[in-house]
């Protein structure tokens, strides 16, 4: 498929996202490959190395975040990343405490 085929299938917003993914393709592939190599043994569910990997990416790009770790070996990285509304929030641990994957503002 040619690059312009998406414009007829997706909204302009989705098309812009696809263009950004295409532009940042190598960064995304490298980040995800390295992320998948992070050991996250279960049990006990130790995700500290994977969380540090995410923090490194956010630090590199100057994205503010906070770490919430009721369980020290399972930290949650919380950041608001949005170009326009609505903001996406994804929570991997303790969804009952932080809310399920949701759409919202802020």
C-alpha atoms as a PDB file:
ATOM      1  CA  UNK A   1       0.000   0.000   0.000  1.00  0.00           C
ATOM      2  CA  UNK A   2       1.189   3.502  -0.761  1.00  0.00           C
ATOM      3  CA  UNK A   3       1.637   6.076   1.973  1.00  0.00           C
ATOM      4  CA  UNK A   4      -1.396   8.065   0.844  1.00  0.00           C
ATOM      5  CA  UNK A   5      -3.847   5.160   1.128  1.00  0.00           C
ATOM      6  CA  UNK A   6      -4.359   5.838   4.856  1.00  0.00           C
ATOM      7  CA  UNK A   7      -5.750   9.306   4.259  1.00  0.00           C
ATOM      8  CA  UNK A   8      -8.973   7.883   2.840  1.00  0.00           C
ATOM      9  CA  UNK A   9      -9.412   5.356   5.666  1.00  0.00           C
ATOM     10  CA  UNK A  10      -8.510   7.377   8.751  1.00  0.00           C
ATOM     11  CA  UNK A  11      -9.306  10.746  10.185  1.00  0.00           C
ATOM     12  CA  UNK A  12      -6.714  13.511   9.836  1.00  0.00           C
ATOM     13  CA  UNK A  13      -5.742  13.013  13.504  1.00  0.00           C
ATOM     14  CA  UNK A  14      -5.038   9.324  12.997  1.00  0.00           C
ATOM     15  CA  UNK A  15      -3.158  10.090   9.800  1.00  0.00           C
ATOM     16  CA  UNK A  16      -0.906  12.555  11.696  1.00  0.00           C
ATOM     17  CA  UNK A  17      -0.238   9.865  14.299  1.00  0.00           C
ATOM     18  CA  UNK A  18       0.691   7.355  11.595  1.00  0.00           C
ATOM     19  CA  UNK A  19       3.091   9.883  10.090  1.00  0.00           C
ATOM     20  CA  UNK A  20       4.742  10.392  13.494  1.00  0.00           C
ATOM     21  CA  UNK A  21       5.062   6.648  14.003  1.00  0.00           C
ATOM     22  CA  UNK A  22       6.635   6.378  10.563  1.00  0.00           C
ATOM     23  CA  UNK A  23       8.992   9.284  11.331  1.00  0.00           C
ATOM     24  CA  UNK A  24      10.031   7.792  14.710  1.00  0.00           C
ATOM     25  CA  UNK A  25      10.028   4.193  13.511  1.00  0.00           C
ATOM     26  CA  UNK A  26      13.610   3.346  14.508  1.00  0.00           C
ATOM     27  CA  UNK A  27      13.279   4.965  17.938  1.00  0.00           C
ATOM     28  CA  UNK A  28      10.052   3.067  18.616  1.00  0.00           C
ATOM     29  CA  UNK A  29      11.432  -0.265  17.424  1.00  0.00           C
ATOM     30  CA  UNK A  30      14.613   0.125  19.474  1.00  0.00           C
ATOM     31  CA  UNK A  31      12.682   1.207  22.584  1.00  0.00           C
ATOM     32  CA  UNK A  32      10.256  -1.705  22.340  1.00  0.00           C
ATOM     33  CA  UNK A  33      12.969  -4.277  21.594  1.00  0.00           C
ATOM     34  CA  UNK A  34      14.937  -3.146  24.645  1.00  0.00           C
ATOM     35  CA  UNK A  35      11.766  -2.981  26.746  1.00  0.00           C
ATOM     36  CA  UNK A  36      10.880  -6.564  25.867  1.00  0.00           C
ATOM     37  CA  UNK A  37      14.375  -7.645  26.927  1.00  0.00           C
ATOM     38  CA  UNK A  38      13.893  -6.186  30.421  1.00  0.00           C
ATOM     39  CA  UNK A  39      13.492  -9.023  32.913  1.00  0.00           C
ATOM     40  CA  UNK A  40      10.118  -8.955  34.678  1.00  0.00           C
ATOM     41  CA  UNK A  41      10.052 -12.289  36.526  1.00  0.00           C
ATOM     42  CA  UNK A  42       6.690 -13.384  37.800  1.00  0.00           C
ATOM     43  CA  UNK A  43       6.587 -14.306  40.570  1.00  0.00           C
ATOM     44  CA  UNK A  44       7.505 -12.029  42.236  1.00  0.00           C
ATOM     45  CA  UNK A  45       6.487  -9.522  39.514  1.00  0.00           C
ATOM     46  CA  UNK A  46       9.583  -7.342  39.768  1.00  0.00           C
ATOM     47  CA  UNK A  47       9.196  -4.671  37.078  1.00  0.00           C
ATOM     48  CA  UNK A  48      11.785  -2.160  38.331  1.00  0.00           C
ATOM     49  CA  UNK A  49      14.170  -2.633  35.385  1.00  0.00           C
ATOM     50  CA  UNK A  50      11.347  -2.211  32.868  1.00  0.00           C
ATOM     51  CA  UNK A  51      10.128   0.889  34.723  1.00  0.00           C
ATOM     52  CA  UNK A  52      13.642   2.371  34.640  1.00  0.00           C
ATOM     53  CA  UNK A  53      13.699   1.779  30.883  1.00  0.00           C
ATOM     54  CA  UNK A  54      10.482   3.797  30.486  1.00  0.00           C
ATOM     55  CA  UNK A  55      11.840   6.512  32.797  1.00  0.00           C
ATOM     56  CA  UNK A  56      14.986   6.784  30.668  1.00  0.00           C
ATOM     57  CA  UNK A  57      12.905   7.436  27.537  1.00  0.00           C
ATOM     58  CA  UNK A  58      10.769  10.022  29.320  1.00  0.00           C
ATOM     59  CA  UNK A  59      13.872  11.724  30.769  1.00  0.00           C
ATOM     60  CA  UNK A  60      15.503  11.815  27.332  1.00  0.00           C
ATOM     61  CA  UNK A  61      12.486  13.634  25.916  1.00  0.00           C
ATOM     62  CA  UNK A  62      11.939  15.927  28.898  1.00  0.00           C
ATOM     63  CA  UNK A  63       8.580  14.422  29.829  1.00  0.00           C
ATOM     64  CA  UNK A  64       7.579  14.964  33.456  1.00  0.00           C
ATOM     65  CA  UNK A  65       6.379  11.884  35.323  1.00  0.00           C
ATOM     66  CA  UNK A  66       6.021  10.533  38.803  1.00  0.00           C
ATOM     67  CA  UNK A  67       6.667   7.126  40.252  1.00  0.00           C
ATOM     68  CA  UNK A  68       3.998   5.593  42.448  1.00  0.00           C
ATOM     69  CA  UNK A  69       5.161   2.399  44.112  1.00  0.00           C
ATOM     70  CA  UNK A  70       2.933   1.035  46.861  1.00  0.00           C
ATOM     71  CA  UNK A  71       4.849  -2.175  46.170  1.00  0.00           C
ATOM     72  CA  UNK A  72       8.513  -1.249  45.730  1.00  0.00           C
ATOM     73  CA  UNK A  73       9.158  -3.993  43.138  1.00  0.00           C
ATOM     74  CA  UNK A  74       6.192  -2.935  40.963  1.00  0.00           C
ATOM     75  CA  UNK A  75       6.543   0.802  40.322  1.00  0.00           C
ATOM     76  CA  UNK A  76       3.983   2.688  38.284  1.00  0.00           C
ATOM     77  CA  UNK A  77       5.213   5.439  35.974  1.00  0.00           C
ATOM     78  CA  UNK A  78       2.560   8.134  35.659  1.00  0.00           C
ATOM     79  CA  UNK A  79       2.834  10.807  32.969  1.00  0.00           C
ATOM     80  CA  UNK A  80       0.379  12.914  31.020  1.00  0.00           C
ATOM     81  CA  UNK A  81       1.321  12.966  27.372  1.00  0.00           C
ATOM     82  CA  UNK A  82      -0.972  14.742  24.984  1.00  0.00           C
ATOM     83  CA  UNK A  83      -0.776  16.798  21.838  1.00  0.00           C
ATOM     84  CA  UNK A  84      -4.454  17.588  21.951  1.00  0.00           C
ATOM     85  CA  UNK A  85      -7.439  16.396  23.943  1.00  0.00           C
ATOM     86  CA  UNK A  86      -8.377  13.786  25.077  1.00  0.00           C
ATOM     87  CA  UNK A  87      -5.358  12.620  27.048  1.00  0.00           C
ATOM     88  CA  UNK A  88      -4.602   8.904  27.189  1.00  0.00           C
ATOM     89  CA  UNK A  89      -3.903   7.273  30.521  1.00  0.00           C
ATOM     90  CA  UNK A  90      -2.655   3.716  30.723  1.00  0.00           C
ATOM     91  CA  UNK A  91      -2.235   1.888  34.004  1.00  0.00           C
ATOM     92  CA  UNK A  92      -0.596  -1.513  34.264  1.00  0.00           C
ATOM     93  CA  UNK A  93      -0.662  -2.151  37.996  1.00  0.00           C
ATOM     94  CA  UNK A  94      -3.455  -1.823  40.508  1.00  0.00           C
ATOM     95  CA  UNK A  95      -6.154  -0.617  38.087  1.00  0.00           C
ATOM     96  CA  UNK A  96      -8.631  -0.424  40.948  1.00  0.00           C
ATOM     97  CA  UNK A  97      -6.424   2.228  42.558  1.00  0.00           C
ATOM     98  CA  UNK A  98      -5.460   4.275  39.495  1.00  0.00           C
ATOM     99  CA  UNK A  99      -8.363   3.578  37.149  1.00  0.00           C
ATOM    100  CA  UNK A 100      -8.516   1.307  34.135  1.00  0.00           C
ATOM    101  CA  UNK A 101      -7.182   2.358  30.778  1.00  0.00           C
ATOM    102  CA  UNK A 102      -9.268   5.423  30.292  1.00  0.00           C
ATOM    103  CA  UNK A 103      -9.847   8.517  28.254  1.00  0.00           C
ATOM    104  CA  UNK A 104     -10.029  11.797  30.023  1.00  0.00           C
ATOM    105  CA  UNK A 105      -8.652  15.267  30.297  1.00  0.00           C
ATOM    106  CA  UNK A 106      -5.604  16.355  32.243  1.00  0.00           C
END
